[in-house]
Full PDB file with SEQRES, HELIX, SHEET, SSBOND, CRYST1, ORIGX, SCALE, CONECT and MASTER records, all heavy atoms in Angstrom:
SEQRES   1 A   29  THR ILE ASN ASP GLN ILE LEU GLU ALA ASN GLU GLY GLU          
SEQRES   2 A   29  SER ILE LEU ASN ILE ALA ARG ALA ASN GLY ILE TYR ILE          
SEQRES   3 A   29  PRO ALA LEU                                                  
HELIX    1 AA1 ILE A   15  ALA A   21  1                                   7    
CRYST1    1.000    1.000    1.000  90.00  90.00  90.00 P 1           1          
ORIGX1      1.000000  0.000000  0.000000        0.00000                         
ORIGX2      0.000000  1.000000  0.000000        0.00000                         
ORIGX3      0.000000  0.000000  1.000000        0.00000                         
SCALE1      1.000000  0.000000  0.000000        0.00000                         
SCALE2      0.000000  1.000000  0.000000        0.00000                         
SCALE3      0.000000  0.000000  1.000000        0.00000                         
ATOM      1  N   THR A   1      -8.607   5.764  -3.153  1.00  0.00           N  
ATOM      2  CA  THR A   1      -7.610   5.003  -2.411  1.00  0.00           C  
ATOM      3  C   THR A   1      -8.315   3.928  -1.602  1.00  0.00           C  
ATOM      4  O   THR A   1      -9.230   4.225  -0.841  1.00  0.00           O  
ATOM      5  CB  THR A   1      -6.807   5.923  -1.470  1.00  0.00           C  
ATOM      6  OG1 THR A   1      -6.218   6.963  -2.249  1.00  0.00           O  
ATOM      7  CG2 THR A   1      -5.718   5.152  -0.750  1.00  0.00           C  
ATOM      8  N   ILE A   2      -7.893   2.673  -1.806  1.00  0.00           N  
ATOM      9  CA  ILE A   2      -8.407   1.562  -1.017  1.00  0.00           C  
ATOM     10  C   ILE A   2      -7.227   0.925  -0.306  1.00  0.00           C  
ATOM     11  O   ILE A   2      -6.271   0.482  -0.955  1.00  0.00           O  
ATOM     12  CB  ILE A   2      -9.135   0.514  -1.880  1.00  0.00           C  
ATOM     13  CG1 ILE A   2     -10.325   1.134  -2.621  1.00  0.00           C  
ATOM     14  CG2 ILE A   2      -9.603  -0.660  -1.007  1.00  0.00           C  
ATOM     15  CD1 ILE A   2     -11.095   0.169  -3.509  1.00  0.00           C  
ATOM     16  N   ASN A   3      -7.293   0.885   1.013  1.00  0.00           N  
ATOM     17  CA  ASN A   3      -6.213   0.312   1.836  1.00  0.00           C  
ATOM     18  C   ASN A   3      -4.852   0.897   1.460  1.00  0.00           C  
ATOM     19  O   ASN A   3      -3.875   0.167   1.277  1.00  0.00           O  
ATOM     20  CB  ASN A   3      -6.198  -1.210   1.726  1.00  0.00           C  
ATOM     21  CG  ASN A   3      -7.469  -1.838   2.237  1.00  0.00           C  
ATOM     22  OD1 ASN A   3      -8.180  -1.247   3.044  1.00  0.00           O  
ATOM     23  ND2 ASN A   3      -7.771  -3.026   1.771  1.00  0.00           N  
ATOM     24  N   ASP A   4      -4.808   2.206   1.312  1.00  0.00           N  
ATOM     25  CA  ASP A   4      -3.595   2.958   0.984  1.00  0.00           C  
ATOM     26  C   ASP A   4      -3.042   2.671  -0.413  1.00  0.00           C  
ATOM     27  O   ASP A   4      -1.919   3.036  -0.728  1.00  0.00           O  
ATOM     28  CB  ASP A   4      -2.495   2.730   2.036  1.00  0.00           C  
ATOM     29  CG  ASP A   4      -2.925   3.197   3.417  1.00  0.00           C  
ATOM     30  OD1 ASP A   4      -3.584   4.251   3.500  1.00  0.00           O  
ATOM     31  OD2 ASP A   4      -2.616   2.506   4.410  1.00  0.00           O  
ATOM     32  N   GLN A   5      -3.843   2.042  -1.270  1.00  0.00           N  
ATOM     33  CA  GLN A   5      -3.464   1.775  -2.658  1.00  0.00           C  
ATOM     34  C   GLN A   5      -4.271   2.704  -3.559  1.00  0.00           C  
ATOM     35  O   GLN A   5      -5.501   2.677  -3.540  1.00  0.00           O  
ATOM     36  CB  GLN A   5      -3.747   0.310  -2.990  1.00  0.00           C  
ATOM     37  CG  GLN A   5      -3.380  -0.099  -4.381  1.00  0.00           C  
ATOM     38  CD  GLN A   5      -3.706  -1.569  -4.648  1.00  0.00           C  
ATOM     39  OE1 GLN A   5      -4.067  -2.329  -3.753  1.00  0.00           O  
ATOM     40  NE2 GLN A   5      -3.588  -1.971  -5.887  1.00  0.00           N  
ATOM     41  N   ILE A   6      -3.602   3.528  -4.349  1.00  0.00           N  
ATOM     42  CA  ILE A   6      -4.284   4.463  -5.250  1.00  0.00           C  
ATOM     43  C   ILE A   6      -4.736   3.701  -6.492  1.00  0.00           C  
ATOM     44  O   ILE A   6      -3.945   3.017  -7.141  1.00  0.00           O  
ATOM     45  CB  ILE A   6      -3.364   5.639  -5.626  1.00  0.00           C  
ATOM     46  CG1 ILE A   6      -2.986   6.424  -4.362  1.00  0.00           C  
ATOM     47  CG2 ILE A   6      -4.055   6.544  -6.647  1.00  0.00           C  
ATOM     48  CD1 ILE A   6      -1.917   7.468  -4.577  1.00  0.00           C  
ATOM     49  N   LEU A   7      -6.026   3.848  -6.805  1.00  0.00           N  
ATOM     50  CA  LEU A   7      -6.620   3.116  -7.918  1.00  0.00           C  
ATOM     51  C   LEU A   7      -7.368   4.049  -8.850  1.00  0.00           C  
ATOM     52  O   LEU A   7      -7.898   5.074  -8.429  1.00  0.00           O  
ATOM     53  CB  LEU A   7      -7.613   2.077  -7.387  1.00  0.00           C  
ATOM     54  CG  LEU A   7      -7.079   1.062  -6.381  1.00  0.00           C  
ATOM     55  CD1 LEU A   7      -8.228   0.259  -5.801  1.00  0.00           C  
ATOM     56  CD2 LEU A   7      -6.051   0.167  -7.029  1.00  0.00           C  
ATOM     57  N   GLU A   8      -7.441   3.664 -10.103  1.00  0.00           N  
ATOM     58  CA  GLU A   8      -8.270   4.363 -11.086  1.00  0.00           C  
ATOM     59  C   GLU A   8      -9.679   3.787 -11.011  1.00  0.00           C  
ATOM     60  O   GLU A   8      -9.858   2.578 -10.846  1.00  0.00           O  
ATOM     61  CB  GLU A   8      -7.721   4.152 -12.497  1.00  0.00           C  
ATOM     62  CG  GLU A   8      -6.385   4.818 -12.757  1.00  0.00           C  
ATOM     63  CD  GLU A   8      -6.492   6.328 -12.887  1.00  0.00           C  
ATOM     64  OE1 GLU A   8      -7.549   6.822 -13.341  1.00  0.00           O  
ATOM     65  OE2 GLU A   8      -5.525   7.003 -12.526  1.00  0.00           O  
ATOM     66  N   ALA A   9     -10.682   4.643 -11.124  1.00  0.00           N  
ATOM     67  CA  ALA A   9     -12.070   4.196 -11.062  1.00  0.00           C  
ATOM     68  C   ALA A   9     -12.930   5.100 -11.919  1.00  0.00           C  
ATOM     69  O   ALA A   9     -12.544   6.225 -12.245  1.00  0.00           O  
ATOM     70  CB  ALA A   9     -12.560   4.230  -9.620  1.00  0.00           C  
ATOM     71  N   ASN A  10     -14.091   4.590 -12.283  1.00  0.00           N  
ATOM     72  CA  ASN A  10     -15.082   5.384 -12.991  1.00  0.00           C  
ATOM     73  C   ASN A  10     -16.063   5.953 -11.983  1.00  0.00           C  
ATOM     74  O   ASN A  10     -16.525   5.230 -11.091  1.00  0.00           O  
ATOM     75  CB  ASN A  10     -15.848   4.524 -14.003  1.00  0.00           C  
ATOM     76  CG  ASN A  10     -14.940   3.996 -15.085  1.00  0.00           C  
ATOM     77  OD1 ASN A  10     -14.111   4.721 -15.615  1.00  0.00           O  
ATOM     78  ND2 ASN A  10     -15.083   2.723 -15.393  1.00  0.00           N  
ATOM     79  N   GLU A  11     -16.390   7.227 -12.117  1.00  0.00           N  
ATOM     80  CA  GLU A  11     -17.339   7.844 -11.200  1.00  0.00           C  
ATOM     81  C   GLU A  11     -18.663   7.094 -11.277  1.00  0.00           C  
ATOM     82  O   GLU A  11     -19.133   6.744 -12.355  1.00  0.00           O  
ATOM     83  CB  GLU A  11     -17.548   9.316 -11.526  1.00  0.00           C  
ATOM     84  CG  GLU A  11     -18.358  10.022 -10.477  1.00  0.00           C  
ATOM     85  CD  GLU A  11     -18.295  11.529 -10.595  1.00  0.00           C  
ATOM     86  OE1 GLU A  11     -17.473  12.042 -11.353  1.00  0.00           O  
ATOM     87  OE2 GLU A  11     -19.082  12.171  -9.893  1.00  0.00           O  
ATOM     88  N   GLY A  12     -19.232   6.814 -10.118  1.00  0.00           N  
ATOM     89  CA  GLY A  12     -20.500   6.121 -10.065  1.00  0.00           C  
ATOM     90  C   GLY A  12     -20.386   4.611  -9.974  1.00  0.00           C  
ATOM     91  O   GLY A  12     -21.364   3.922  -9.737  1.00  0.00           O  
ATOM     92  N   GLU A  13     -19.186   4.066 -10.162  1.00  0.00           N  
ATOM     93  CA  GLU A  13     -18.970   2.631 -10.033  1.00  0.00           C  
ATOM     94  C   GLU A  13     -18.980   2.254  -8.552  1.00  0.00           C  
ATOM     95  O   GLU A  13     -18.528   3.018  -7.708  1.00  0.00           O  
ATOM     96  CB  GLU A  13     -17.611   2.289 -10.661  1.00  0.00           C  
ATOM     97  CG  GLU A  13     -17.312   0.827 -10.771  1.00  0.00           C  
ATOM     98  CD  GLU A  13     -16.000   0.561 -11.499  1.00  0.00           C  
ATOM     99  OE1 GLU A  13     -15.265   1.521 -11.832  1.00  0.00           O  
ATOM    100  OE2 GLU A  13     -15.719  -0.615 -11.713  1.00  0.00           O  
ATOM    101  N   SER A  14     -19.484   1.076  -8.221  1.00  0.00           N  
ATOM    102  CA  SER A  14     -19.544   0.689  -6.809  1.00  0.00           C  
ATOM    103  C   SER A  14     -18.147   0.385  -6.275  1.00  0.00           C  
ATOM    104  O   SER A  14     -17.273  -0.099  -6.992  1.00  0.00           O  
ATOM    105  CB  SER A  14     -20.456  -0.522  -6.605  1.00  0.00           C  
ATOM    106  OG  SER A  14     -19.808  -1.712  -6.998  1.00  0.00           O  
ATOM    107  N   ILE A  15     -17.971   0.669  -5.010  1.00  0.00           N  
ATOM    108  CA  ILE A  15     -16.690   0.400  -4.356  1.00  0.00           C  
ATOM    109  C   ILE A  15     -16.371  -1.098  -4.426  1.00  0.00           C  
ATOM    110  O   ILE A  15     -15.230  -1.484  -4.665  1.00  0.00           O  
ATOM    111  CB  ILE A  15     -16.716   0.900  -2.903  1.00  0.00           C  
ATOM    112  CG1 ILE A  15     -16.803   2.427  -2.879  1.00  0.00           C  
ATOM    113  CG2 ILE A  15     -15.500   0.410  -2.126  1.00  0.00           C  
ATOM    114  CD1 ILE A  15     -17.093   3.016  -1.517  1.00  0.00           C  
ATOM    115  N   LEU A  16     -17.381  -1.935  -4.242  1.00  0.00           N  
ATOM    116  CA  LEU A  16     -17.161  -3.380  -4.285  1.00  0.00           C  
ATOM    117  C   LEU A  16     -16.625  -3.821  -5.643  1.00  0.00           C  
ATOM    118  O   LEU A  16     -15.676  -4.598  -5.721  1.00  0.00           O  
ATOM    119  CB  LEU A  16     -18.456  -4.129  -3.951  1.00  0.00           C  
ATOM    120  CG  LEU A  16     -18.369  -5.651  -3.909  1.00  0.00           C  
ATOM    121  CD1 LEU A  16     -17.350  -6.126  -2.879  1.00  0.00           C  
ATOM    122  CD2 LEU A  16     -19.734  -6.257  -3.615  1.00  0.00           C  
ATOM    123  N   ASN A  17     -17.189  -3.302  -6.729  1.00  0.00           N  
ATOM    124  CA  ASN A  17     -16.715  -3.664  -8.067  1.00  0.00           C  
ATOM    125  C   ASN A  17     -15.290  -3.181  -8.313  1.00  0.00           C  
ATOM    126  O   ASN A  17     -14.489  -3.887  -8.936  1.00  0.00           O  
ATOM    127  CB  ASN A  17     -17.652  -3.134  -9.148  1.00  0.00           C  
ATOM    128  CG  ASN A  17     -18.894  -3.974  -9.281  1.00  0.00           C  
ATOM    129  OD1 ASN A  17     -18.941  -5.126  -8.859  1.00  0.00           O  
ATOM    130  ND2 ASN A  17     -19.926  -3.391  -9.862  1.00  0.00           N  
ATOM    131  N   ILE A  18     -14.965  -1.998  -7.845  1.00  0.00           N  
ATOM    132  CA  ILE A  18     -13.612  -1.466  -8.012  1.00  0.00           C  
ATOM    133  C   ILE A  18     -12.620  -2.337  -7.249  1.00  0.00           C  
ATOM    134  O   ILE A  18     -11.564  -2.698  -7.771  1.00  0.00           O  
ATOM    135  CB  ILE A  18     -13.534  -0.005  -7.537  1.00  0.00           C  
ATOM    136  CG1 ILE A  18     -14.423   0.886  -8.408  1.00  0.00           C  
ATOM    137  CG2 ILE A  18     -12.081   0.484  -7.547  1.00  0.00           C  
ATOM    138  CD1 ILE A  18     -14.704   2.242  -7.807  1.00  0.00           C  
ATOM    139  N   ALA A  19     -12.971  -2.683  -6.018  1.00  0.00           N  
ATOM    140  CA  ALA A  19     -12.094  -3.531  -5.210  1.00  0.00           C  
ATOM    141  C   ALA A  19     -11.887  -4.879  -5.895  1.00  0.00           C  
ATOM    142  O   ALA A  19     -10.743  -5.345  -6.049  1.00  0.00           O  
ATOM    143  CB  ALA A  19     -12.675  -3.721  -3.814  1.00  0.00           C  
ATOM    144  N   ARG A  20     -12.943  -5.512  -6.327  1.00  0.00           N  
ATOM    145  CA  ARG A  20     -12.838  -6.809  -7.000  1.00  0.00           C  
ATOM    146  C   ARG A  20     -11.975  -6.729  -8.251  1.00  0.00           C  
ATOM    147  O   ARG A  20     -11.161  -7.612  -8.508  1.00  0.00           O  
ATOM    148  CB  ARG A  20     -14.226  -7.331  -7.374  1.00  0.00           C  
ATOM    149  CG  ARG A  20     -15.007  -7.842  -6.193  1.00  0.00           C  
ATOM    150  CD  ARG A  20     -16.371  -8.346  -6.623  1.00  0.00           C  
ATOM    151  NE  ARG A  20     -17.061  -8.997  -5.499  1.00  0.00           N  
ATOM    152  CZ  ARG A  20     -18.260  -9.542  -5.594  1.00  0.00           C  
ATOM    153  NH1 ARG A  20     -18.927  -9.518  -6.734  1.00  0.00           N  
ATOM    154  NH2 ARG A  20     -18.807 -10.111  -4.537  1.00  0.00           N  
ATOM    155  N   ALA A  21     -12.136  -5.673  -9.034  1.00  0.00           N  
ATOM    156  CA  ALA A  21     -11.361  -5.512 -10.261  1.00  0.00           C  
ATOM    157  C   ALA A  21      -9.871  -5.348  -9.991  1.00  0.00           C  
ATOM    158  O   ALA A  21      -9.044  -5.591 -10.866  1.00  0.00           O  
ATOM    159  CB  ALA A  21     -11.885  -4.320 -11.056  1.00  0.00           C  
ATOM    160  N   ASN A  22      -9.539  -4.942  -8.770  1.00  0.00           N  
ATOM    161  CA  ASN A  22      -8.141  -4.707  -8.414  1.00  0.00           C  
ATOM    162  C   ASN A  22      -7.607  -5.739  -7.421  1.00  0.00           C  
ATOM    163  O   ASN A  22      -6.577  -5.527  -6.787  1.00  0.00           O  
ATOM    164  CB  ASN A  22      -7.985  -3.297  -7.848  1.00  0.00           C  
ATOM    165  CG  ASN A  22      -8.100  -2.258  -8.940  1.00  0.00           C  
ATOM    166  OD1 ASN A  22      -7.141  -2.004  -9.663  1.00  0.00           O  
ATOM    167  ND2 ASN A  22      -9.288  -1.679  -9.101  1.00  0.00           N  
ATOM    168  N   GLY A  23      -8.307  -6.857  -7.285  1.00  0.00           N  
ATOM    169  CA  GLY A  23      -7.838  -7.941  -6.443  1.00  0.00           C  
ATOM    170  C   GLY A  23      -7.913  -7.683  -4.952  1.00  0.00           C  
ATOM    171  O   GLY A  23      -7.204  -8.315  -4.176  1.00  0.00           O  
ATOM    172  N   ILE A  24      -8.773  -6.760  -4.543  1.00  0.00           N  
ATOM    173  CA  ILE A  24      -8.947  -6.446  -3.123  1.00  0.00           C  
ATOM    174  C   ILE A  24     -10.204  -7.151  -2.638  1.00  0.00           C  
ATOM    175  O   ILE A  24     -11.298  -6.940  -3.173  1.00  0.00           O  
ATOM    176  CB  ILE A  24      -9.043  -4.930  -2.889  1.00  0.00           C  
ATOM    177  CG1 ILE A  24      -7.755  -4.260  -3.356  1.00  0.00           C  
ATOM    178  CG2 ILE A  24      -9.336  -4.614  -1.418  1.00  0.00           C  
ATOM    179  CD1 ILE A  24      -7.826  -2.756  -3.427  1.00  0.00           C  
ATOM    180  N   TYR A  25     -10.052  -7.985  -1.616  1.00  0.00           N  
ATOM    181  CA  TYR A  25     -11.158  -8.791  -1.113  1.00  0.00           C  
ATOM    182  C   TYR A  25     -12.032  -8.005  -0.138  1.00  0.00           C  
ATOM    183  O   TYR A  25     -11.535  -7.418   0.821  1.00  0.00           O  
ATOM    184  CB  TYR A  25     -10.620 -10.041  -0.411  1.00  0.00           C  
ATOM    185  CG  TYR A  25     -11.701 -10.879   0.198  1.00  0.00           C  
ATOM    186  CD1 TYR A  25     -12.564 -11.613  -0.620  1.00  0.00           C  
ATOM    187  CD2 TYR A  25     -11.876 -10.928   1.565  1.00  0.00           C  
ATOM    188  CE1 TYR A  25     -13.572 -12.380  -0.068  1.00  0.00           C  
ATOM    189  CE2 TYR A  25     -12.888 -11.701   2.130  1.00  0.00           C  
ATOM    190  CZ  TYR A  25     -13.726 -12.424   1.306  1.00  0.00           C  
ATOM    191  OH  TYR A  25     -14.725 -13.177   1.866  1.00  0.00           O  
ATOM    192  N   ILE A  26     -13.313  -8.009  -0.421  1.00  0.00           N  
ATOM    193  CA  ILE A  26     -14.336  -7.510   0.500  1.00  0.00           C  
ATOM    194  C   ILE A  26     -15.395  -8.607   0.545  1.00  0.00           C  
ATOM    195  O   ILE A  26     -15.949  -8.978  -0.491  1.00  0.00           O  
ATOM    196  CB  ILE A  26     -14.972  -6.185   0.016  1.00  0.00           C  
ATOM    197  CG1 ILE A  26     -13.930  -5.084  -0.084  1.00  0.00           C  
ATOM    198  CG2 ILE A  26     -16.107  -5.773   0.950  1.00  0.00           C  
ATOM    199  CD1 ILE A  26     -14.440  -3.787  -0.700  1.00  0.00           C  
ATOM    200  N   PRO A  27     -15.685  -9.169   1.732  1.00  0.00           N  
ATOM    201  CA  PRO A  27     -16.665 -10.248   1.789  1.00  0.00           C  
ATOM    202  C   PRO A  27     -18.063  -9.763   1.440  1.00  0.00           C  
ATOM    203  O   PRO A  27     -18.429  -8.628   1.732  1.00  0.00           O  
ATOM    204  CB  PRO A  27     -16.594 -10.726   3.242  1.00  0.00           C  
ATOM    205  CG  PRO A  27     -16.068  -9.563   4.000  1.00  0.00           C  
ATOM    206  CD  PRO A  27     -15.171  -8.817   3.056  1.00  0.00           C  
ATOM    207  N   ALA A  28     -18.828 -10.639   0.788  1.00  0.00           N  
ATOM    208  CA  ALA A  28     -20.219 -10.336   0.443  1.00  0.00           C  
ATOM    209  C   ALA A  28     -20.943 -11.651   0.179  1.00  0.00           C  
ATOM    210  O   ALA A  28     -20.425 -12.495  -0.545  1.00  0.00           O  
ATOM    211  CB  ALA A  28     -20.290  -9.438  -0.781  1.00  0.00           C  
ATOM    212  N   LEU A  29     -22.095 -11.817   0.773  1.00  0.00           N  
ATOM    213  CA  LEU A  29     -22.901 -13.009   0.534  1.00  0.00           C  
ATOM    214  C   LEU A  29     -24.043 -12.740  -0.439  1.00  0.00           C  
ATOM    215  O   LEU A  29     -24.420 -13.604  -1.208  1.00  0.00           O  
ATOM    216  CB  LEU A  29     -23.496 -13.531   1.850  1.00  0.00           C  
ATOM    217  CG  LEU A  29     -22.515 -14.058   2.880  1.00  0.00           C  
ATOM    218  CD1 LEU A  29     -23.262 -14.455   4.152  1.00  0.00           C  
ATOM    219  CD2 LEU A  29     -21.735 -15.232   2.337  1.00  0.00           C  
TER     220      LEU A  29                                                      
MASTER        0    0    0    1    0    0    0    6  219    1    0    3          
END                                                                             
């Protein structure tokens, strides 16, 4: 669950990649 949105993910995948794949913005330089 990211920001109260339930998402499908692969175990071991980074949180940042999961968020990006689902249109959830997390800043990163």
